[in-house]
PDB file of N, CA and C in Angstrom:
ATOM      1  N   MET A   1       0.845  -1.174   0.000  1.00  0.00           N
ATOM      2  CA  MET A   1       0.000   0.000   0.000  1.00  0.00           C
ATOM      3  C   MET A   1       0.892   1.238   0.000  1.00  0.00           C
ATOM      4  N   SER A   2       0.614   2.119  -0.902  1.00  0.00           N
ATOM      5  CA  SER A   2       1.401   3.336  -1.021  1.00  0.00           C
ATOM      6  C   SER A   2       0.474   4.534  -0.916  1.00  0.00           C
ATOM      7  N   ILE A   3       0.877   5.510  -0.132  1.00  0.00           N
ATOM      8  CA  ILE A   3       0.069   6.712   0.046  1.00  0.00           C
ATOM      9  C   ILE A   3       0.852   7.885  -0.511  1.00  0.00           C
ATOM     10  N   ASP A   4       0.198   8.660  -1.358  1.00  0.00           N
ATOM     11  CA  ASP A   4       0.845   9.837  -1.936  1.00  0.00           C
ATOM     12  C   ASP A   4       0.445  11.044  -1.098  1.00  0.00           C
ATOM     13  N   PHE A   5       1.324  11.431  -0.189  1.00  0.00           N
ATOM     14  CA  PHE A   5       1.024  12.540   0.718  1.00  0.00           C
ATOM     15  C   PHE A   5       0.962  13.881  -0.014  1.00  0.00           C
ATOM     16  N   ASP A   6       1.635  13.982  -1.132  1.00  0.00           N
ATOM     17  CA  ASP A   6       1.627  15.242  -1.887  1.00  0.00           C
ATOM     18  C   ASP A   6       0.242  15.569  -2.436  1.00  0.00           C
ATOM     19  N   LYS A   7      -0.583  14.554  -2.640  1.00  0.00           N
ATOM     20  CA  LYS A   7      -1.927  14.768  -3.188  1.00  0.00           C
ATOM     21  C   LYS A   7      -2.985  14.908  -2.097  1.00  0.00           C
ATOM     22  N   MET A   8      -2.561  14.788  -0.828  1.00  0.00           N
ATOM     23  CA  MET A   8      -3.520  14.853   0.283  1.00  0.00           C
ATOM     24  C   MET A   8      -3.560  16.258   0.856  1.00  0.00           C
ATOM     25  N   SER A   9      -4.755  16.633   1.302  1.00  0.00           N
ATOM     26  CA  SER A   9      -4.880  17.924   1.981  1.00  0.00           C
ATOM     27  C   SER A   9      -4.400  17.770   3.427  1.00  0.00           C
ATOM     28  N   LEU A  10      -4.193  18.899   4.082  1.00  0.00           N
ATOM     29  CA  LEU A  10      -3.766  18.870   5.476  1.00  0.00           C
ATOM     30  C   LEU A  10      -4.808  18.145   6.334  1.00  0.00           C
ATOM     31  N   LYS A  11      -6.079  18.413   6.093  1.00  0.00           N
ATOM     32  CA  LYS A  11      -7.153  17.774   6.858  1.00  0.00           C
ATOM     33  C   LYS A  11      -7.120  16.267   6.669  1.00  0.00           C
ATOM     34  N   GLU A  12      -6.914  15.806   5.453  1.00  0.00           N
ATOM     35  CA  GLU A  12      -6.858  14.368   5.181  1.00  0.00           C
ATOM     36  C   GLU A  12      -5.669  13.719   5.891  1.00  0.00           C
ATOM     37  N   MET A  13      -4.520  14.419   5.906  1.00  0.00           N
ATOM     38  CA  MET A  13      -3.349  13.870   6.592  1.00  0.00           C
ATOM     39  C   MET A  13      -3.569  13.845   8.109  1.00  0.00           C
ATOM     40  N   GLN A  14      -4.219  14.880   8.649  1.00  0.00           N
ATOM     41  CA  GLN A  14      -4.500  14.901  10.092  1.00  0.00           C
ATOM     42  C   GLN A  14      -5.474  13.787  10.464  1.00  0.00           C
ATOM     43  N   ASP A  15      -6.491  13.580   9.642  1.00  0.00           N
ATOM     44  CA  ASP A  15      -7.444  12.491   9.877  1.00  0.00           C
ATOM     45  C   ASP A  15      -6.742  11.140   9.815  1.00  0.00           C
ATOM     46  N   LEU A  16      -5.844  10.986   8.843  1.00  0.00           N
ATOM     47  CA  LEU A  16      -5.084   9.746   8.713  1.00  0.00           C
ATOM     48  C   LEU A  16      -4.213   9.525   9.945  1.00  0.00           C
ATOM     49  N   ARG A  17      -3.569  10.595  10.432  1.00  0.00           N
ATOM     50  CA  ARG A  17      -2.724  10.481  11.624  1.00  0.00           C
ATOM     51  C   ARG A  17      -3.568  10.091  12.836  1.00  0.00           C
ATOM     52  N   THR A  18      -4.750  10.682  12.983  1.00  0.00           N
ATOM     53  CA  THR A  18      -5.636  10.346  14.098  1.00  0.00           C
ATOM     54  C   THR A  18      -6.035   8.877  14.035  1.00  0.00           C
ATOM     55  N   ARG A  19      -6.420   8.410  12.857  1.00  0.00           N
ATOM     56  CA  ARG A  19      -6.804   7.006  12.706  1.00  0.00           C
ATOM     57  C   ARG A  19      -5.619   6.087  12.969  1.00  0.00           C
ATOM     58  N   LEU A  20      -4.437   6.494  12.521  1.00  0.00           N
ATOM     59  CA  LEU A  20      -3.232   5.695  12.729  1.00  0.00           C
ATOM     60  C   LEU A  20      -2.873   5.637  14.216  1.00  0.00           C
ATOM     61  N   ASP A  21      -2.960   6.767  14.911  1.00  0.00           N
ATOM     62  CA  ASP A  21      -2.688   6.783  16.357  1.00  0.00           C
ATOM     63  C   ASP A  21      -3.645   5.859  17.102  1.00  0.00           C
ATOM     64  N   ARG A  22      -4.919   5.900  16.734  1.00  0.00           N
ATOM     65  CA  ARG A  22      -5.909   5.006  17.361  1.00  0.00           C
ATOM     66  C   ARG A  22      -5.573   3.545  17.090  1.00  0.00           C
ATOM     67  N   ALA A  23      -5.204   3.253  15.865  1.00  0.00           N
ATOM     68  CA  ALA A  23      -4.881   1.868  15.502  1.00  0.00           C
ATOM     69  C   ALA A  23      -3.647   1.388  16.268  1.00  0.00           C
ATOM     70  N   ILE A  24      -2.643   2.244  16.410  1.00  0.00           N
ATOM     71  CA  ILE A  24      -1.431   1.873  17.149  1.00  0.00           C
ATOM     72  C   ILE A  24      -1.761   1.635  18.615  1.00  0.00           C
ATOM     73  N   ASN A  25      -2.526   2.545  19.227  1.00  0.00           N
ATOM     74  CA  ASN A  25      -2.899   2.383  20.638  1.00  0.00           C
ATOM     75  C   ASN A  25      -3.719   1.120  20.854  1.00  0.00           C
ATOM     76  N   SER A  26      -4.648   0.852  19.942  1.00  0.00           N
ATOM     77  CA  SER A  26      -5.476  -0.339  20.043  1.00  0.00           C
ATOM     78  C   SER A  26      -4.611  -1.592  19.935  1.00  0.00           C
ATOM     79  N   TYR A  27      -3.667  -1.583  19.022  1.00  0.00           N
ATOM     80  CA  TYR A  27      -2.764  -2.715  18.830  1.00  0.00           C
ATOM     81  C   TYR A  27      -1.930  -2.947  20.084  1.00  0.00           C
ATOM     82  N   GLU A  28      -1.360  -1.866  20.632  1.00  0.00           N
ATOM     83  CA  GLU A  28      -0.530  -1.995  21.832  1.00  0.00           C
ATOM     84  C   GLU A  28      -1.349  -2.514  23.014  1.00  0.00           C
ATOM     85  N   ASP A  29      -2.564  -1.994  23.180  1.00  0.00           N
ATOM     86  CA  ASP A  29      -3.427  -2.458  24.275  1.00  0.00           C
ATOM     87  C   ASP A  29      -3.759  -3.934  24.125  1.00  0.00           C
ATOM     88  N   ARG A  30      -4.087  -4.332  22.903  1.00  0.00           N
ATOM     89  CA  ARG A  30      -4.430  -5.734  22.644  1.00  0.00           C
ATOM     90  C   ARG A  30      -3.243  -6.643  22.937  1.00  0.00           C
ATOM     91  N   LYS A  31      -2.060  -6.253  22.485  1.00  0.00           N
ATOM     92  CA  LYS A  31      -0.858  -7.058  22.725  1.00  0.00           C
ATOM     93  C   LYS A  31      -0.528  -7.106  24.218  1.00  0.00           C
ATOM     94  N   ARG A  32      -0.714  -5.997  24.932  1.00  0.00           N
ATOM     95  CA  ARG A  32      -0.461  -5.957  26.373  1.00  0.00           C
ATOM     96  C   ARG A  32      -1.402  -6.915  27.104  1.00  0.00           C
ATOM     97  N   ARG A  33      -2.684  -6.898  26.723  1.00  0.00           N
ATOM     98  CA  ARG A  33      -3.655  -7.810  27.351  1.00  0.00           C
ATOM     99  C   ARG A  33      -3.318  -9.266  27.051  1.00  0.00           C
ATOM    100  N   GLU A  34      -2.924  -9.542  25.809  1.00  0.00           N
ATOM    101  CA  GLU A  34      -2.545 -10.909  25.451  1.00  0.00           C
ATOM    102  C   GLU A  34      -1.341 -11.374  26.261  1.00  0.00           C
ATOM    103  N   ALA A  35      -0.359 -10.503  26.436  1.00  0.00           N
ATOM    104  CA  ALA A  35       0.832 -10.855  27.214  1.00  0.00           C
ATOM    105  C   ALA A  35       0.466 -11.097  28.671  1.00  0.00           C
ATOM    106  N   LEU A  36      -0.398 -10.266  29.220  1.00  0.00           N
ATOM    107  CA  LEU A  36      -0.806 -10.431  30.611  1.00  0.00           C
ATOM    108  C   LEU A  36      -1.549 -11.744  30.822  1.00  0.00           C
ATOM    109  N   VAL A  37      -2.427 -12.098  29.891  1.00  0.00           N
ATOM    110  CA  VAL A  37      -3.146 -13.372  29.984  1.00  0.00           C
ATOM    111  C   VAL A  37      -2.165 -14.535  29.924  1.00  0.00           C
ATOM    112  N   ALA A  38      -1.189 -14.457  29.027  1.00  0.00           N
ATOM    113  CA  ALA A  38      -0.199 -15.534  28.901  1.00  0.00           C
ATOM    114  C   ALA A  38       0.629 -15.661  30.180  1.00  0.00           C
ATOM    115  N   ILE A  39       1.007 -14.536  30.754  1.00  0.00           N
ATOM    116  CA  ILE A  39       1.802 -14.562  31.994  1.00  0.00           C
ATOM    117  C   ILE A  39       0.977 -15.145  33.135  1.00  0.00           C
ATOM    118  N   GLU A  40      -0.288 -14.726  33.251  1.00  0.00           N
ATOM    119  CA  GLU A  40      -1.158 -15.255  34.308  1.00  0.00           C
ATOM    120  C   GLU A  40      -1.355 -16.759  34.158  1.00  0.00           C
ATOM    121  N   GLU A  41      -1.527 -17.235  32.923  1.00  0.00           N
ATOM    122  CA  GLU A  41      -1.693 -18.673  32.688  1.00  0.00           C
ATOM    123  C   GLU A  41      -0.425 -19.434  33.073  1.00  0.00           C
ATOM    124  N   ALA A  42       0.741 -18.889  32.726  1.00  0.00           N
ATOM    125  CA  ALA A  42       2.001 -19.545  33.076  1.00  0.00           C
ATOM    126  C   ALA A  42       2.167 -19.601  34.594  1.00  0.00           C
ATOM    127  N   ALA A  43       1.805 -18.541  35.282  1.00  0.00           N
ATOM    128  CA  ALA A  43       1.903 -18.531  36.744  1.00  0.00           C
ATOM    129  C   ALA A  43       0.971 -19.584  37.339  1.00  0.00           C
ATOM    130  N   ARG A  44      -0.262 -19.669  36.824  1.00  0.00           N
ATOM    131  CA  ARG A  44      -1.228 -20.668  37.319  1.00  0.00           C
ATOM    132  C   ARG A  44      -0.722 -22.088  37.093  1.00  0.00           C
ATOM    133  N   GLU A  45      -0.093 -22.333  35.951  1.00  0.00           N
ATOM    134  CA  GLU A  45       0.443 -23.668  35.658  1.00  0.00           C
ATOM    135  C   GLU A  45       1.496 -24.087  36.679  1.00  0.00           C
ATOM    136  N   HIS A  46       2.157 -23.102  37.278  1.00  0.00           N
ATOM    137  CA  HIS A  46       3.186 -23.385  38.273  1.00  0.00           C
ATOM    138  C   HIS A  46       2.653 -23.252  39.696  1.00  0.00           C
ATOM    139  N   GLY A  47       1.348 -23.047  39.836  1.00  0.00           N
ATOM    140  CA  GLY A  47       0.722 -23.000  41.150  1.00  0.00           C
ATOM    141  C   GLY A  47       0.784 -21.654  41.851  1.00  0.00           C
ATOM    142  N   PHE A  48       0.958 -20.584  41.107  1.00  0.00           N
ATOM    143  CA  PHE A  48       1.022 -19.249  41.685  1.00  0.00           C
ATOM    144  C   PHE A  48      -0.007 -18.344  41.033  1.00  0.00           C
ATOM    145  N   ASN A  49      -0.221 -17.186  41.649  1.00  0.00           N
ATOM    146  CA  ASN A  49      -0.933 -16.140  40.937  1.00  0.00           C
ATOM    147  C   ASN A  49       0.079 -15.034  40.666  1.00  0.00           C
ATOM    148  N   LEU A  50      -0.247 -14.146  39.769  1.00  0.00           N
ATOM    149  CA  LEU A  50       0.711 -13.150  39.308  1.00  0.00           C
ATOM    150  C   LEU A  50       1.187 -12.243  40.438  1.00  0.00           C
ATOM    151  N   SER A  51       0.309 -11.877  41.350  1.00  0.00           N
ATOM    152  CA  SER A  51       0.718 -10.979  42.435  1.00  0.00           C
ATOM    153  C   SER A  51       1.733 -11.647  43.367  1.00  0.00           C
ATOM    154  N   GLU A  52       1.664 -12.963  43.514  1.00  0.00           N
ATOM    155  CA  GLU A  52       2.655 -13.668  44.336  1.00  0.00           C
ATOM    156  C   GLU A  52       4.046 -13.603  43.705  1.00  0.00           C
ATOM    157  N   LEU A  53       4.092 -13.652  42.393  1.00  0.00           N
ATOM    158  CA  LEU A  53       5.377 -13.654  41.704  1.00  0.00           C
ATOM    159  C   LEU A  53       5.969 -12.257  41.560  1.00  0.00           C
ATOM    160  N   THR A  54       5.112 -11.266  41.438  1.00  0.00           N
ATOM    161  CA  THR A  54       5.620  -9.907  41.232  1.00  0.00           C
ATOM    162  C   THR A  54       5.846  -9.179  42.542  1.00  0.00           C
ATOM    163  N   GLY A  55       5.334  -9.733  43.633  1.00  0.00           N
ATOM    164  CA  GLY A  55       5.506  -9.087  44.926  1.00  0.00           C
ATOM    165  C   GLY A  55       4.499  -7.978  45.170  1.00  0.00           C
ATOM    166  N   SER A  56       3.590  -7.777  44.243  1.00  0.00           N
ATOM    167  CA  SER A  56       2.579  -6.747  44.459  1.00  0.00           C
ATOM    168  C   SER A  56       1.519  -7.289  45.396  1.00  0.00           C
ATOM    169  N   LYS A  57       0.984  -6.405  46.189  1.00  0.00           N
ATOM    170  CA  LYS A  57      -0.033  -6.805  47.146  1.00  0.00           C
ATOM    171  C   LYS A  57      -1.406  -6.662  46.503  1.00  0.00           C
ATOM    172  N   PRO A  58      -2.308  -7.569  46.802  1.00  0.00           N
ATOM    173  CA  PRO A  58      -3.660  -7.414  46.265  1.00  0.00           C
ATOM    174  C   PRO A  58      -4.288  -6.151  46.833  1.00  0.00           C
ATOM    175  N   SER A  59      -5.138  -5.546  46.038  1.00  0.00           N
ATOM    176  CA  SER A  59      -5.760  -4.310  46.495  1.00  0.00           C
ATOM    177  C   SER A  59      -6.678  -4.586  47.673  1.00  0.00           C
ATOM    178  N   ARG A  60      -6.631  -3.688  48.613  1.00  0.00           N
ATOM    179  CA  ARG A  60      -7.477  -3.828  49.797  1.00  0.00           C
ATOM    180  C   ARG A  60      -8.793  -3.121  49.552  1.00  0.00           C
ATOM    181  N   THR A  61      -9.832  -3.770  49.972  1.00  0.00           N
ATOM    182  CA  THR A  61     -11.136  -3.148  49.859  1.00  0.00           C
ATOM    183  C   THR A  61     -11.838  -3.274  51.197  1.00  0.00           C
ATOM    184  N   GLY A  62     -12.827  -2.480  51.375  1.00  0.00           N
ATOM    185  CA  GLY A  62     -13.577  -2.543  52.610  1.00  0.00           C
ATOM    186  C   GLY A  62     -13.239  -1.380  53.523  1.00  0.00           C
ATOM    187  N   THR A  63     -13.822  -1.428  54.694  1.00  0.00           N
ATOM    188  CA  THR A  63     -13.633  -0.355  55.643  1.00  0.00           C
ATOM    189  C   THR A  63     -12.815  -0.835  56.821  1.00  0.00           C
ATOM    190  N   VAL A  64     -12.273   0.112  57.546  1.00  0.00           N
ATOM    191  CA  VAL A  64     -11.500  -0.191  58.734  1.00  0.00           C
ATOM    192  C   VAL A  64     -12.424  -0.041  59.933  1.00  0.00           C
ATOM    193  N   ALA A  65     -12.386  -0.996  60.842  1.00  0.00           N
ATOM    194  CA  ALA A  65     -13.244  -0.959  62.019  1.00  0.00           C
ATOM    195  C   ALA A  65     -12.802   0.176  62.942  1.00  0.00           C
ATOM    196  N   PRO A  66     -13.760   0.847  63.574  1.00  0.00           N
ATOM    197  CA  PRO A  66     -13.403   1.904  64.510  1.00  0.00           C
ATOM    198  C   PRO A  66     -12.644   1.342  65.705  1.00  0.00           C
ATOM    199  N   LYS A  67     -11.713   2.128  66.209  1.00  0.00           N
ATOM    200  CA  LYS A  67     -10.878   1.704  67.314  1.00  0.00           C
ATOM    201  C   LYS A  67     -11.182   2.513  68.580  1.00  0.00           C
ATOM    202  N   TYR A  68     -11.658   3.735  68.391  1.00  0.00           N
ATOM    203  CA  TYR A  68     -11.921   4.644  69.509  1.00  0.00           C
ATOM    204  C   TYR A  68     -13.358   5.156  69.430  1.00  0.00           C
ATOM    205  N   ALA A  69     -13.942   5.424  70.612  1.00  0.00           N
ATOM    206  CA  ALA A  69     -15.295   5.974  70.670  1.00  0.00           C
ATOM    207  C   ALA A  69     -15.333   7.101  71.684  1.00  0.00           C
ATOM    208  N   ASN A  70     -16.199   8.070  71.415  1.00  0.00           N
ATOM    209  CA  ASN A  70     -16.393   9.204  72.311  1.00  0.00           C
ATOM    210  C   ASN A  70     -17.149   8.718  73.547  1.00  0.00           C
ATOM    211  N   PRO A  71     -16.607   8.898  74.767  1.00  0.00           N
ATOM    212  CA  PRO A  71     -17.291   8.428  75.974  1.00  0.00           C
ATOM    213  C   PRO A  71     -18.659   9.090  76.185  1.00  0.00           C
ATOM    214  N   GLN A  72     -18.804  10.358  75.770  1.00  0.00           N
ATOM    215  CA  GLN A  72     -20.086  11.050  75.924  1.00  0.00           C
ATOM    216  C   GLN A  72     -21.100  10.642  74.852  1.00  0.00           C
ATOM    217  N   ASP A  73     -20.626  10.256  73.684  1.00  0.00           N
ATOM    218  CA  ASP A  73     -21.515   9.864  72.583  1.00  0.00           C
ATOM    219  C   ASP A  73     -20.875   8.701  71.829  1.00  0.00           C
ATOM    220  N   PRO A  74     -21.174   7.456  72.228  1.00  0.00           N
ATOM    221  CA  PRO A  74     -20.533   6.278  71.622  1.00  0.00           C
ATOM    222  C   PRO A  74     -20.770   6.128  70.118  1.00  0.00           C
ATOM    223  N   THR A  75     -21.707   6.894  69.564  1.00  0.00           N
ATOM    224  CA  THR A  75     -21.922   6.810  68.113  1.00  0.00           C
ATOM    225  C   THR A  75     -20.815   7.532  67.350  1.00  0.00           C
ATOM    226  N   MET A  76     -20.053   8.377  68.042  1.00  0.00           N
ATOM    227  CA  MET A  76     -18.937   9.091  67.414  1.00  0.00           C
ATOM    228  C   MET A  76     -17.689   8.222  67.577  1.00  0.00           C
ATOM    229  N   THR A  77     -17.200   7.708  66.455  1.00  0.00           N
ATOM    230  CA  THR A  77     -16.058   6.794  66.501  1.00  0.00           C
ATOM    231  C   THR A  77     -14.940   7.305  65.609  1.00  0.00           C
ATOM    232  N   TRP A  78     -13.752   6.691  65.785  1.00  0.00           N
ATOM    233  CA  TRP A  78     -12.577   7.030  64.980  1.00  0.00           C
ATOM    234  C   TRP A  78     -11.756   5.765  64.807  1.00  0.00           C
ATOM    235  N   THR A  79     -11.223   5.556  63.617  1.00  0.00           N
ATOM    236  CA  THR A  79     -10.442   4.351  63.324  1.00  0.00           C
ATOM    237  C   THR A  79      -9.014   4.434  63.845  1.00  0.00           C
ATOM    238  N   GLY A  80      -8.571   5.630  64.171  1.00  0.00           N
ATOM    239  CA  GLY A  80      -7.183   5.819  64.573  1.00  0.00           C
ATOM    240  C   GLY A  80      -6.311   6.215  63.403  1.00  0.00           C
ATOM    241  N   ARG A  81      -6.932   6.355  62.239  1.00  0.00           N
ATOM    242  CA  ARG A  81      -6.204   6.761  61.035  1.00  0.00           C
ATOM    243  C   ARG A  81      -6.606   8.173  60.653  1.00  0.00           C
ATOM    244  N   GLY A  82      -5.678   8.871  60.086  1.00  0.00           N
ATOM    245  CA  GLY A  82      -5.983  10.215  59.616  1.00  0.00           C
ATOM    246  C   GLY A  82      -6.011  11.222  60.753  1.00  0.00           C
ATOM    247  N   ARG A  83      -6.604  12.356  60.472  1.00  0.00           N
ATOM    248  CA  ARG A  83      -6.663  13.453  61.420  1.00  0.00           C
ATOM    249  C   ARG A  83      -7.554  13.100  62.602  1.00  0.00           C
ATOM    250  N   LYS A  84      -7.134  13.499  63.788  1.00  0.00           N
ATOM    251  CA  LYS A  84      -7.916  13.220  64.994  1.00  0.00           C
ATOM    252  C   LYS A  84      -9.187  14.075  64.986  1.00  0.00           C
ATOM    253  N   PRO A  85     -10.322  13.472  65.281  1.00  0.00           N
ATOM    254  CA  PRO A  85     -11.552  14.259  65.388  1.00  0.00           C
ATOM    255  C   PRO A  85     -11.469  15.234  66.564  1.00  0.00           C
ATOM    256  N   ARG A  86     -12.305  16.225  66.526  1.00  0.00           N
ATOM    257  CA  ARG A  86     -12.310  17.254  67.574  1.00  0.00           C
ATOM    258  C   ARG A  86     -12.524  16.645  68.954  1.00  0.00           C
ATOM    259  N   TRP A  87     -13.445  15.670  69.069  1.00  0.00           N
ATOM    260  CA  TRP A  87     -13.718  15.088  70.382  1.00  0.00           C
ATOM    261  C   TRP A  87     -12.500  14.351  70.934  1.00  0.00           C
ATOM    262  N   VAL A  88     -11.659  13.783  70.061  1.00  0.00           N
ATOM    263  CA  VAL A  88     -10.428  13.132  70.507  1.00  0.00           C
ATOM    264  C   VAL A  88      -9.452  14.195  70.995  1.00  0.00           C
ATOM    265  N   GLN A  89      -9.297  15.256  70.224  1.00  0.00           N
ATOM    266  CA  GLN A  89      -8.402  16.335  70.615  1.00  0.00           C
ATOM    267  C   GLN A  89      -8.829  16.941  71.955  1.00  0.00           C
ATOM    268  N   GLU A  90     -10.137  17.146  72.147  1.00  0.00           N
ATOM    269  CA  GLU A  90     -10.633  17.728  73.406  1.00  0.00           C
ATOM    270  C   GLU A  90     -10.380  16.778  74.578  1.00  0.00           C
ATOM    271  N   SER A  91     -10.592  15.487  74.372  1.00  0.00           N
ATOM    272  CA  SER A  91     -10.348  14.506  75.437  1.00  0.00           C
ATOM    273  C   SER A  91      -8.876  14.482  75.834  1.00  0.00           C
ATOM    274  N   LEU A  92      -7.995  14.552  74.854  1.00  0.00           N
ATOM    275  CA  LEU A  92      -6.562  14.569  75.139  1.00  0.00           C
ATOM    276  C   LEU A  92      -6.173  15.854  75.862  1.00  0.00           C
ATOM    277  N   ALA A  93      -6.813  16.965  75.503  1.00  0.00           N
ATOM    278  CA  ALA A  93      -6.528  18.242  76.157  1.00  0.00           C
ATOM    279  C   ALA A  93      -6.989  18.226  77.616  1.00  0.00           C
ATOM    280  N   GLU A  94      -8.024  17.427  77.889  1.00  0.00           N
ATOM    281  CA  GLU A  94      -8.530  17.307  79.264  1.00  0.00           C
ATOM    282  C   GLU A  94      -7.659  16.383  80.107  1.00  0.00           C
ATOM    283  N   GLY A  95      -6.644  15.777  79.507  1.00  0.00           N
ATOM    284  CA  GLY A  95      -5.736  14.920  80.250  1.00  0.00           C
ATOM    285  C   GLY A  95      -5.965  13.434  80.066  1.00  0.00           C
ATOM    286  N   LYS A  96      -6.937  13.060  79.242  1.00  0.00           N
ATOM    287  CA  LYS A  96      -7.179  11.637  78.991  1.00  0.00           C
ATOM    288  C   LYS A  96      -6.130  11.094  78.037  1.00  0.00           C
ATOM    289  N   GLU A  97      -5.959   9.789  78.065  1.00  0.00           N
ATOM    290  CA  GLU A  97      -5.053   9.104  77.142  1.00  0.00           C
ATOM    291  C   GLU A  97      -5.872   8.480  76.021  1.00  0.00           C
ATOM    292  N   LEU A  98      -5.231   8.198  74.894  1.00  0.00           N
ATOM    293  CA  LEU A  98      -5.930   7.517  73.805  1.00  0.00           C
ATOM    294  C   LEU A  98      -6.472   6.172  74.266  1.00  0.00           C
ATOM    295  N   ASP A  99      -5.733   5.500  75.141  1.00  0.00           N
ATOM    296  CA  ASP A  99      -6.188   4.193  75.643  1.00  0.00           C
ATOM    297  C   ASP A  99      -7.513   4.310  76.381  1.00  0.00           C
ATOM    298  N   ASP A 100      -7.800   5.491  76.949  1.00  0.00           N
ATOM    299  CA  ASP A 100      -9.064   5.689  77.656  1.00  0.00           C
ATOM    300  C   ASP A 100     -10.253   5.694  76.693  1.00  0.00           C
ATOM    301  N   LEU A 101      -9.973   5.944  75.427  1.00  0.00           N
ATOM    302  CA  LEU A 101     -11.043   6.052  74.423  1.00  0.00           C
ATOM    303  C   LEU A 101     -11.220   4.789  73.606  1.00  0.00           C
ATOM    304  N   LEU A 102     -10.430   3.761  73.878  1.00  0.00           N
ATOM    305  CA  LEU A 102     -10.541   2.499  73.137  1.00  0.00           C
ATOM    306  C   LEU A 102     -11.928   1.900  73.279  1.00  0.00           C
ATOM    307  N   ILE A 103     -12.379   1.292  72.213  1.00  0.00           N
ATOM    308  CA  ILE A 103     -13.687   0.621  72.250  1.00  0.00           C
ATOM    309  C   ILE A 103     -13.544  -0.683  72.974  1.00  0.00           C
TER     310      ILE A 103
END
C-alpha cells in the first residue's frame, strides 16, 4: 500500500494520523492484554498467581473498624487513622489518654 502525501490535503493527513494513532494504541493495548493473559496462565500452571510472583499486594477493599469511641456519645467513633476528630483532641486536652477512648 502506497500513500501519496503530496496529493492529500492537510485535513486528510491529520485524519489519517488520528486514525493511525488510534490503531497503534489499540494494537498496543491488545498485545499488552494478550501478554498479561499468557503470563497469568504460566503462573497458574506453576501453582502461583501473578501478584505472588511480582511481589505486588492485592488491592485492599472494605472499611477499617473503629478503634476509639467518644465516651459522651458512643456513636462518634474514629479508626485511629488520619486526622484526629475534635472530640479526641478535646479529650486529650482534658488529660485523657488515647487508651481511655478504646472501644
